[in-house]
Amino acid sequence: MAQIISVVNQKGGVGKTTTAVNLGAYLASMGKFVLLVDIDPQANATSGLGIDHRNLEKGIYEALAGANSFRDVIVGTSFTGYKVAPATVSLAGANVELVNMENREFKLHEALLEIRNDYDYIIIDCPPSLGLLTLNGLVAAEKILIPVQAEYYALEGLGQLLETISLIKNNLKPSIEILGAVLTMFDKRVGLSGAVLDQLYQYFPDKIFRSVIPRNIRLAEAPSYGKSILEYDANSAGGKAYERLAREILELMNQKNI
């Protein structure tokens, strides 16, 4: 069965979607079958891989609502072994419509059962909030990857996110684990103060990835061309950083015999 990793941070602009899209691309380049699940109504992960979500008739919302099977909403990318369950415009109302559904926090978990044996990794790009869609992304996952922007204010709200994960672990999904935090948008000219690093290590003792994602213009440009950084400029600093992150995650999974 696939390992399911949710990429989550309720603070926007921290490189969450960039991490989800490019981690998936590099895992696929390393021979893994990967599905990217876009449950963010902004649909940036979908459009960032060259898929026009505005013209799609069905997507992840239809799978959650039971209108279509999960397998029917999946679309291919330009990269072999890398597919997407896209977000569509109808996903915007899902947080409201899920409220009255039975087992509402488990809708994504239940939907993924249909296709879980088809992939090695399923990566979920969650919205920048702690609403019902993000709760579904957390409950569906075994592992949580948290992108953290390399600046002081990015630490705000981390405590709330970790508390939410703890509540889910205690009440809904005992097997959920934090895979780790990855530092994003790092500018070596600015660096990180010792105080910020100390706080990060308090939040994530032994769970900060060695791979650091730099602030990189090529990473920022790639989505506008509908490409991952692997396709757009693999030799850029951003491309090499995400390749290192993918290898580090695979190494960690192998150590855990996953």
C-alpha atoms as a PDB file:
ATOM      1  CA  MET A   1       0.000   0.000   0.000  1.00  0.00           C
ATOM      2  CA  ALA A   2       1.054   3.570  -0.620  1.00  0.00           C
ATOM      3  CA  GLN A   3       2.660   5.679   2.051  1.00  0.00           C
ATOM      4  CA  ILE A   4       0.420   8.732   2.473  1.00  0.00           C
ATOM      5  CA  ILE A   5       2.167  12.005   3.316  1.00  0.00           C
ATOM      6  CA  SER A   6       0.205  15.178   3.996  1.00  0.00           C
ATOM      7  CA  VAL A   7       2.041  18.445   3.400  1.00  0.00           C
ATOM      8  CA  VAL A   8       0.484  20.900   5.809  1.00  0.00           C
ATOM      9  CA  ASN A   9       0.921  24.300   7.396  1.00  0.00           C
ATOM     10  CA  GLN A  10      -2.051  26.529   8.115  1.00  0.00           C
ATOM     11  CA  LYS A  11       0.095  29.585   7.443  1.00  0.00           C
ATOM     12  CA  GLY A  12       0.068  30.535   3.764  1.00  0.00           C
ATOM     13  CA  GLY A  13       3.075  31.437   1.669  1.00  0.00           C
ATOM     14  CA  VAL A  14       5.524  29.003   3.260  1.00  0.00           C
ATOM     15  CA  GLY A  15       6.238  26.860   0.200  1.00  0.00           C
ATOM     16  CA  LYS A  16       3.701  24.149   0.997  1.00  0.00           C
ATOM     17  CA  THR A  17       2.403  23.569  -2.534  1.00  0.00           C
ATOM     18  CA  THR A  18       5.878  23.990  -4.029  1.00  0.00           C
ATOM     19  CA  THR A  19       7.078  21.257  -1.681  1.00  0.00           C
ATOM     20  CA  ALA A  20       4.174  18.906  -2.461  1.00  0.00           C
ATOM     21  CA  VAL A  21       4.505  19.292  -6.250  1.00  0.00           C
ATOM     22  CA  ASN A  22       8.291  18.969  -6.417  1.00  0.00           C
ATOM     23  CA  LEU A  23       8.666  16.227  -3.837  1.00  0.00           C
ATOM     24  CA  GLY A  24       6.198  14.187  -5.878  1.00  0.00           C
ATOM     25  CA  ALA A  25       8.099  14.854  -9.101  1.00  0.00           C
ATOM     26  CA  TYR A  26      11.441  13.778  -7.664  1.00  0.00           C
ATOM     27  CA  LEU A  27      10.005  10.660  -6.033  1.00  0.00           C
ATOM     28  CA  ALA A  28       8.545   9.731  -9.437  1.00  0.00           C
ATOM     29  CA  SER A  29      11.928  10.352 -11.090  1.00  0.00           C
ATOM     30  CA  MET A  30      13.409   7.867  -8.625  1.00  0.00           C
ATOM     31  CA  GLY A  31      11.129   5.108  -9.875  1.00  0.00           C
ATOM     32  CA  LYS A  32       8.207   5.510  -7.490  1.00  0.00           C
ATOM     33  CA  PHE A  33       4.560   5.640  -8.550  1.00  0.00           C
ATOM     34  CA  VAL A  34       3.228   8.875  -7.066  1.00  0.00           C
ATOM     35  CA  LEU A  35      -0.221  10.442  -6.765  1.00  0.00           C
ATOM     36  CA  LEU A  36      -0.546  14.104  -5.790  1.00  0.00           C
ATOM     37  CA  VAL A  37      -3.912  14.850  -4.166  1.00  0.00           C
ATOM     38  CA  ASP A  38      -4.857  18.532  -4.329  1.00  0.00           C
ATOM     39  CA  ILE A  39      -7.389  19.372  -1.608  1.00  0.00           C
ATOM     40  CA  ASP A  40      -6.633  23.095  -1.625  1.00  0.00           C
ATOM     41  CA  PRO A  41      -9.501  25.021  -3.299  1.00  0.00           C
ATOM     42  CA  GLN A  42      -6.917  27.429  -4.736  1.00  0.00           C
ATOM     43  CA  ALA A  43      -5.838  24.498  -6.943  1.00  0.00           C
ATOM     44  CA  ASN A  44      -2.246  25.722  -7.176  1.00  0.00           C
ATOM     45  CA  ALA A  45      -0.814  22.208  -7.171  1.00  0.00           C
ATOM     46  CA  THR A  46      -3.132  21.278 -10.034  1.00  0.00           C
ATOM     47  CA  SER A  47      -2.307  24.312 -12.171  1.00  0.00           C
ATOM     48  CA  GLY A  48       1.374  24.089 -11.212  1.00  0.00           C
ATOM     49  CA  LEU A  49       1.546  20.795 -13.099  1.00  0.00           C
ATOM     50  CA  GLY A  50      -0.018  22.249 -16.242  1.00  0.00           C
ATOM     51  CA  ILE A  51      -3.624  21.181 -15.607  1.00  0.00           C
ATOM     52  CA  ASP A  52      -6.329  23.804 -16.207  1.00  0.00           C
ATOM     53  CA  HIS A  53      -8.621  23.169 -13.223  1.00  0.00           C
ATOM     54  CA  ARG A  54     -11.242  25.613 -14.557  1.00  0.00           C
ATOM     55  CA  ASN A  55     -12.075  23.304 -17.456  1.00  0.00           C
ATOM     56  CA  LEU A  56     -12.224  20.054 -15.508  1.00  0.00           C
ATOM     57  CA  GLU A  57     -15.659  18.504 -15.089  1.00  0.00           C
ATOM     58  CA  LYS A  58     -14.655  16.383 -12.108  1.00  0.00           C
ATOM     59  CA  GLY A  59     -11.983  16.352  -9.456  1.00  0.00           C
ATOM     60  CA  ILE A  60     -11.279  15.559  -5.832  1.00  0.00           C
ATOM     61  CA  TYR A  61     -14.556  17.106  -4.622  1.00  0.00           C
ATOM     62  CA  GLU A  62     -16.613  14.735  -6.764  1.00  0.00           C
ATOM     63  CA  ALA A  63     -14.649  11.798  -5.339  1.00  0.00           C
ATOM     64  CA  LEU A  64     -15.221  12.998  -1.749  1.00  0.00           C
ATOM     65  CA  ALA A  65     -18.941  13.510  -2.394  1.00  0.00           C
ATOM     66  CA  GLY A  66     -19.284  10.074  -3.991  1.00  0.00           C
ATOM     67  CA  ALA A  67     -20.382  11.426  -7.374  1.00  0.00           C
ATOM     68  CA  ASN A  68     -17.391   9.782  -9.084  1.00  0.00           C
ATOM     69  CA  SER A  69     -14.991   7.022  -8.191  1.00  0.00           C
ATOM     70  CA  PHE A  70     -11.550   8.184  -7.122  1.00  0.00           C
ATOM     71  CA  ARG A  71      -9.910   6.445 -10.045  1.00  0.00           C
ATOM     72  CA  ASP A  72     -12.149   8.357 -12.476  1.00  0.00           C
ATOM     73  CA  VAL A  73     -10.966  11.797 -11.355  1.00  0.00           C
ATOM     74  CA  ILE A  74      -7.220  11.122 -11.588  1.00  0.00           C
ATOM     75  CA  VAL A  75      -5.361  12.764 -14.475  1.00  0.00           C
ATOM     76  CA  GLY A  76      -1.845  12.203 -15.787  1.00  0.00           C
ATOM     77  CA  THR A  77       1.031  14.659 -15.892  1.00  0.00           C
ATOM     78  CA  SER A  78       3.833  15.056 -18.408  1.00  0.00           C
ATOM     79  CA  PHE A  79       5.981  12.909 -16.124  1.00  0.00           C
ATOM     80  CA  THR A  80       5.856   9.100 -16.168  1.00  0.00           C
ATOM     81  CA  GLY A  81       4.634   7.626 -12.901  1.00  0.00           C
ATOM     82  CA  TYR A  82       3.265  10.927 -11.585  1.00  0.00           C
ATOM     83  CA  LYS A  83      -0.497  11.551 -11.484  1.00  0.00           C
ATOM     84  CA  VAL A  84      -2.824  14.094  -9.895  1.00  0.00           C
ATOM     85  CA  ALA A  85      -6.235  14.025  -8.244  1.00  0.00           C
ATOM     86  CA  PRO A  86      -7.020  17.643  -9.139  1.00  0.00           C
ATOM     87  CA  ALA A  87      -8.880  20.373  -7.328  1.00  0.00           C
ATOM     88  CA  THR A  88     -11.743  21.996  -9.269  1.00  0.00           C
ATOM     89  CA  VAL A  89     -13.862  25.093  -8.705  1.00  0.00           C
ATOM     90  CA  SER A  90     -16.485  22.994  -6.884  1.00  0.00           C
ATOM     91  CA  LEU A  91     -14.015  22.261  -4.078  1.00  0.00           C
ATOM     92  CA  ALA A  92     -14.472  25.814  -2.751  1.00  0.00           C
ATOM     93  CA  GLY A  93     -17.768  24.873  -1.085  1.00  0.00           C
ATOM     94  CA  ALA A  94     -16.549  21.603   0.379  1.00  0.00           C
ATOM     95  CA  ASN A  95     -15.747  22.948   3.856  1.00  0.00           C
ATOM     96  CA  VAL A  96     -19.405  23.934   4.235  1.00  0.00           C
ATOM     97  CA  GLU A  97     -20.915  20.883   2.551  1.00  0.00           C
ATOM     98  CA  LEU A  98     -18.785  18.409   4.525  1.00  0.00           C
ATOM     99  CA  VAL A  99     -20.183  19.691   7.825  1.00  0.00           C
ATOM    100  CA  ASN A 100     -23.407  17.700   7.562  1.00  0.00           C
ATOM    101  CA  MET A 101     -21.848  14.493   6.239  1.00  0.00           C
ATOM    102  CA  GLU A 102     -21.507  11.432   8.446  1.00  0.00           C
ATOM    103  CA  ASN A 103     -17.868  10.649   9.365  1.00  0.00           C
ATOM    104  CA  ARG A 104     -16.941  13.931   7.726  1.00  0.00           C
ATOM    105  CA  GLU A 105     -13.279  13.825   8.842  1.00  0.00           C
ATOM    106  CA  PHE A 106     -12.807  10.426   7.145  1.00  0.00           C
ATOM    107  CA  LYS A 107     -14.115  11.200   3.639  1.00  0.00           C
ATOM    108  CA  LEU A 108     -10.674  11.441   2.041  1.00  0.00           C
ATOM    109  CA  HIS A 109      -9.399   8.423   3.973  1.00  0.00           C
ATOM    110  CA  GLU A 110     -12.340   6.368   2.704  1.00  0.00           C
ATOM    111  CA  ALA A 111     -11.980   7.609  -0.878  1.00  0.00           C
ATOM    112  CA  LEU A 112      -8.265   6.772  -0.997  1.00  0.00           C
ATOM    113  CA  LEU A 113      -8.922   3.121  -0.121  1.00  0.00           C
ATOM    114  CA  GLU A 114      -9.993   2.566  -3.736  1.00  0.00           C
ATOM    115  CA  ILE A 115      -6.619   3.449  -5.235  1.00  0.00           C
ATOM    116  CA  ARG A 116      -4.144   3.054  -2.408  1.00  0.00           C
ATOM    117  CA  ASN A 117      -2.611  -0.119  -3.842  1.00  0.00           C
ATOM    118  CA  ASP A 118      -1.914   1.623  -7.163  1.00  0.00           C
ATOM    119  CA  TYR A 119       0.875   3.877  -5.842  1.00  0.00           C
ATOM    120  CA  ASP A 120       4.039   3.879  -3.754  1.00  0.00           C
ATOM    121  CA  TYR A 121       3.444   7.391  -2.410  1.00  0.00           C
ATOM    122  CA  ILE A 122       0.361   9.564  -2.121  1.00  0.00           C
ATOM    123  CA  ILE A 123       1.132  13.200  -1.328  1.00  0.00           C
ATOM    124  CA  ILE A 124      -1.697  15.431  -0.118  1.00  0.00           C
ATOM    125  CA  ASP A 125      -1.445  19.189  -0.591  1.00  0.00           C
ATOM    126  CA  CYS A 126      -3.606  20.678   2.165  1.00  0.00           C
ATOM    127  CA  PRO A 127      -5.167  24.177   2.281  1.00  0.00           C
ATOM    128  CA  PRO A 128      -3.512  26.935   4.359  1.00  0.00           C
ATOM    129  CA  SER A 129      -6.092  26.591   7.137  1.00  0.00           C
ATOM    130  CA  LEU A 130      -7.262  24.119   9.769  1.00  0.00           C
ATOM    131  CA  GLY A 131     -10.726  23.594   8.294  1.00  0.00           C
ATOM    132  CA  LEU A 132     -12.449  20.331   7.427  1.00  0.00           C
ATOM    133  CA  LEU A 133     -10.474  19.785   4.233  1.00  0.00           C
ATOM    134  CA  THR A 134      -7.189  19.966   6.132  1.00  0.00           C
ATOM    135  CA  LEU A 135      -8.585  17.690   8.837  1.00  0.00           C
ATOM    136  CA  ASN A 136      -9.435  15.196   6.086  1.00  0.00           C
ATOM    137  CA  GLY A 137      -5.878  15.495   4.774  1.00  0.00           C
ATOM    138  CA  LEU A 138      -4.456  14.834   8.234  1.00  0.00           C
ATOM    139  CA  VAL A 139      -6.734  11.892   9.055  1.00  0.00           C
ATOM    140  CA  ALA A 140      -5.988  10.266   5.689  1.00  0.00           C
ATOM    141  CA  ALA A 141      -2.212  10.411   6.220  1.00  0.00           C
ATOM    142  CA  GLU A 142       0.327   8.266   8.022  1.00  0.00           C
ATOM    143  CA  LYS A 143       3.002  10.936   7.914  1.00  0.00           C
ATOM    144  CA  ILE A 144       2.905  14.735   8.157  1.00  0.00           C
ATOM    145  CA  LEU A 145       5.498  16.918   6.419  1.00  0.00           C
ATOM    146  CA  ILE A 146       5.512  20.533   7.645  1.00  0.00           C
ATOM    147  CA  PRO A 147       7.200  23.206   5.501  1.00  0.00           C
ATOM    148  CA  VAL A 148       8.410  26.077   7.685  1.00  0.00           C
ATOM    149  CA  GLN A 149       9.541  29.342   6.158  1.00  0.00           C
ATOM    150  CA  ALA A 150      12.958  30.332   7.429  1.00  0.00           C
ATOM    151  CA  GLU A 151      11.911  33.426   9.340  1.00  0.00           C
ATOM    152  CA  TYR A 152      10.695  34.251  12.838  1.00  0.00           C
ATOM    153  CA  TYR A 153       7.049  35.014  12.041  1.00  0.00           C
ATOM    154  CA  ALA A 154       6.643  31.687  10.270  1.00  0.00           C
ATOM    155  CA  LEU A 155       6.797  30.028  13.684  1.00  0.00           C
ATOM    156  CA  GLU A 156       3.533  31.675  14.659  1.00  0.00           C
ATOM    157  CA  GLY A 157       0.717  29.150  14.604  1.00  0.00           C
ATOM    158  CA  LEU A 158       2.967  26.081  14.690  1.00  0.00           C
ATOM    159  CA  GLY A 159       1.849  25.346  18.225  1.00  0.00           C
ATOM    160  CA  GLN A 160      -1.780  25.297  17.101  1.00  0.00           C
ATOM    161  CA  LEU A 161      -0.973  22.970  14.210  1.00  0.00           C
ATOM    162  CA  LEU A 162       0.915  20.566  16.469  1.00  0.00           C
ATOM    163  CA  GLU A 163      -1.948  20.628  18.962  1.00  0.00           C
ATOM    164  CA  THR A 164      -4.380  19.752  16.160  1.00  0.00           C
ATOM    165  CA  ILE A 165      -2.165  16.850  15.072  1.00  0.00           C
ATOM    166  CA  SER A 166      -2.018  15.661  18.691  1.00  0.00           C
ATOM    167  CA  LEU A 167      -5.820  15.762  18.975  1.00  0.00           C
ATOM    168  CA  ILE A 168      -6.149  13.755  15.761  1.00  0.00           C
ATOM    169  CA  LYS A 169      -3.618  11.216  17.039  1.00  0.00           C
ATOM    170  CA  ASN A 170      -5.469  10.827  20.327  1.00  0.00           C
ATOM    171  CA  ASN A 171      -9.002  10.762  18.963  1.00  0.00           C
ATOM    172  CA  LEU A 172      -9.125   9.869  15.274  1.00  0.00           C
ATOM    173  CA  LYS A 173      -5.867   8.386  13.924  1.00  0.00           C
ATOM    174  CA  PRO A 174      -3.485   6.904  16.534  1.00  0.00           C
ATOM    175  CA  SER A 175      -0.943   5.895  13.863  1.00  0.00           C
ATOM    176  CA  ILE A 176      -0.324   9.421  12.534  1.00  0.00           C
ATOM    177  CA  GLU A 177       3.262  10.679  12.874  1.00  0.00           C
ATOM    178  CA  ILE A 178       5.150  13.851  12.079  1.00  0.00           C
ATOM    179  CA  LEU A 179       7.685  12.904   9.419  1.00  0.00           C
ATOM    180  CA  GLY A 180       9.511  16.177   9.982  1.00  0.00           C
ATOM    181  CA  ALA A 181       9.792  19.863   9.243  1.00  0.00           C
ATOM    182  CA  VAL A 182      11.564  21.204   6.172  1.00  0.00           C
ATOM    183  CA  LEU A 183      12.972  24.724   6.094  1.00  0.00           C
ATOM    184  CA  THR A 184      11.818  26.599   2.999  1.00  0.00           C
ATOM    185  CA  MET A 185      12.509  29.939   1.314  1.00  0.00           C
ATOM    186  CA  PHE A 186      15.872  30.157   3.029  1.00  0.00           C
ATOM    187  CA  ASP A 187      18.015  33.174   2.134  1.00  0.00           C
ATOM    188  CA  LYS A 188      21.615  32.585   3.146  1.00  0.00           C
ATOM    189  CA  ARG A 189      22.242  36.343   3.042  1.00  0.00           C
ATOM    190  CA  VAL A 190      19.822  36.759   5.931  1.00  0.00           C
ATOM    191  CA  GLY A 191      20.348  33.502   7.768  1.00  0.00           C
ATOM    192  CA  LEU A 192      18.468  32.325  10.809  1.00  0.00           C
ATOM    193  CA  SER A 193      18.909  33.677  14.287  1.00  0.00           C
ATOM    194  CA  GLY A 194      19.858  31.278  17.040  1.00  0.00           C
ATOM    195  CA  ALA A 195      16.578  32.056  18.772  1.00  0.00           C
ATOM    196  CA  VAL A 196      14.530  30.928  15.762  1.00  0.00           C
ATOM    197  CA  LEU A 197      16.531  27.717  15.405  1.00  0.00           C
ATOM    198  CA  ASP A 198      16.186  27.016  19.123  1.00  0.00           C
ATOM    199  CA  GLN A 199      12.411  27.346  18.841  1.00  0.00           C
ATOM    200  CA  LEU A 200      12.301  25.102  15.805  1.00  0.00           C
ATOM    201  CA  TYR A 201      14.236  22.386  17.617  1.00  0.00           C
ATOM    202  CA  GLN A 202      11.812  22.673  20.532  1.00  0.00           C
ATOM    203  CA  TYR A 203       8.910  22.037  18.161  1.00  0.00           C
ATOM    204  CA  PHE A 204      10.674  19.322  16.170  1.00  0.00           C
ATOM    205  CA  PRO A 205      13.411  17.598  18.195  1.00  0.00           C
ATOM    206  CA  ASP A 206      15.323  15.291  15.818  1.00  0.00           C
ATOM    207  CA  LYS A 207      12.763  15.950  13.070  1.00  0.00           C
ATOM    208  CA  ILE A 208      14.209  18.794  11.004  1.00  0.00           C
ATOM    209  CA  PHE A 209      15.375  17.652   7.579  1.00  0.00           C
ATOM    210  CA  ARG A 210      18.963  18.379   6.639  1.00  0.00           C
ATOM    211  CA  SER A 211      17.803  19.458   3.192  1.00  0.00           C
ATOM    212  CA  VAL A 212      17.015  23.178   3.185  1.00  0.00           C
ATOM    213  CA  ILE A 213      14.997  24.721   0.357  1.00  0.00           C
ATOM    214  CA  PRO A 214      16.442  28.068  -0.751  1.00  0.00           C
ATOM    215  CA  ARG A 215      14.576  31.134  -1.924  1.00  0.00           C
ATOM    216  CA  ASN A 216      15.054  30.618  -5.651  1.00  0.00           C
ATOM    217  CA  ILE A 217      13.669  32.463  -8.672  1.00  0.00           C
ATOM    218  CA  ARG A 218      13.514  29.279 -10.764  1.00  0.00           C
ATOM    219  CA  LEU A 219      11.265  27.650  -8.175  1.00  0.00           C
ATOM    220  CA  ALA A 220       8.979  30.684  -8.344  1.00  0.00           C
ATOM    221  CA  GLU A 221       8.885  30.630 -12.162  1.00  0.00           C
ATOM    222  CA  ALA A 222       8.216  26.914 -12.710  1.00  0.00           C
ATOM    223  CA  PRO A 223       4.471  26.869 -11.819  1.00  0.00           C
ATOM    224  CA  SER A 224       3.702  29.603 -14.343  1.00  0.00           C
ATOM    225  CA  TYR A 225       4.925  27.183 -17.029  1.00  0.00           C
ATOM    226  CA  GLY A 226       2.909  24.296 -15.568  1.00  0.00           C
ATOM    227  CA  LYS A 227       6.068  22.399 -14.674  1.00  0.00           C
ATOM    228  CA  SER A 228       7.795  20.996 -11.640  1.00  0.00           C
ATOM    229  CA  ILE A 229      11.283  22.302 -10.977  1.00  0.00           C
ATOM    230  CA  LEU A 230      12.594  18.924 -12.144  1.00  0.00           C
ATOM    231  CA  GLU A 231      11.257  19.630 -15.651  1.00  0.00           C
ATOM    232  CA  TYR A 232      11.832  23.374 -15.614  1.00  0.00           C
ATOM    233  CA  ASP A 233      15.384  23.600 -14.258  1.00  0.00           C
ATOM    234  CA  ALA A 234      16.655  20.549 -12.421  1.00  0.00           C
ATOM    235  CA  ASN A 235      20.126  22.058 -12.115  1.00  0.00           C
ATOM    236  CA  SER A 236      18.920  25.139 -10.247  1.00  0.00           C
ATOM    237  CA  ALA A 237      19.549  25.490  -6.529  1.00  0.00           C
ATOM    238  CA  GLY A 238      15.866  24.803  -5.904  1.00  0.00           C
ATOM    239  CA  GLY A 239      15.880  21.690  -8.069  1.00  0.00           C
ATOM    240  CA  LYS A 240      18.906  20.235  -6.339  1.00  0.00           C
ATOM    241  CA  ALA A 241      17.402  21.007  -2.922  1.00  0.00           C
ATOM    242  CA  TYR A 242      14.184  19.119  -3.670  1.00  0.00           C
ATOM    243  CA  GLU A 243      16.140  16.207  -5.092  1.00  0.00           C
ATOM    244  CA  ARG A 244      18.074  16.032  -1.803  1.00  0.00           C
ATOM    245  CA  LEU A 245      14.825  16.212   0.185  1.00  0.00           C
ATOM    246  CA  ALA A 246      13.282  13.357  -1.815  1.00  0.00           C
ATOM    247  CA  ARG A 247      16.375  11.200  -1.265  1.00  0.00           C
ATOM    248  CA  GLU A 248      16.400  12.050   2.429  1.00  0.00           C
ATOM    249  CA  ILE A 249      12.751  11.048   2.776  1.00  0.00           C
ATOM    250  CA  LEU A 250      13.314   7.773   0.924  1.00  0.00           C
ATOM    251  CA  GLU A 251      16.289   7.047   3.170  1.00  0.00           C
ATOM    252  CA  LEU A 252      14.189   7.755   6.254  1.00  0.00           C
ATOM    253  CA  MET A 253      11.388   5.496   5.011  1.00  0.00           C
ATOM    254  CA  ASN A 254      13.871   2.701   4.313  1.00  0.00           C
ATOM    255  CA  GLN A 255      15.280   3.019   7.839  1.00  0.00           C
ATOM    256  CA  LYS A 256      11.754   2.501   9.151  1.00  0.00           C
ATOM    257  CA  ASN A 257      11.286  -0.450   6.768  1.00  0.00           C
ATOM    258  CA  ILE A 258       8.361   1.296   5.076  1.00  0.00           C
END
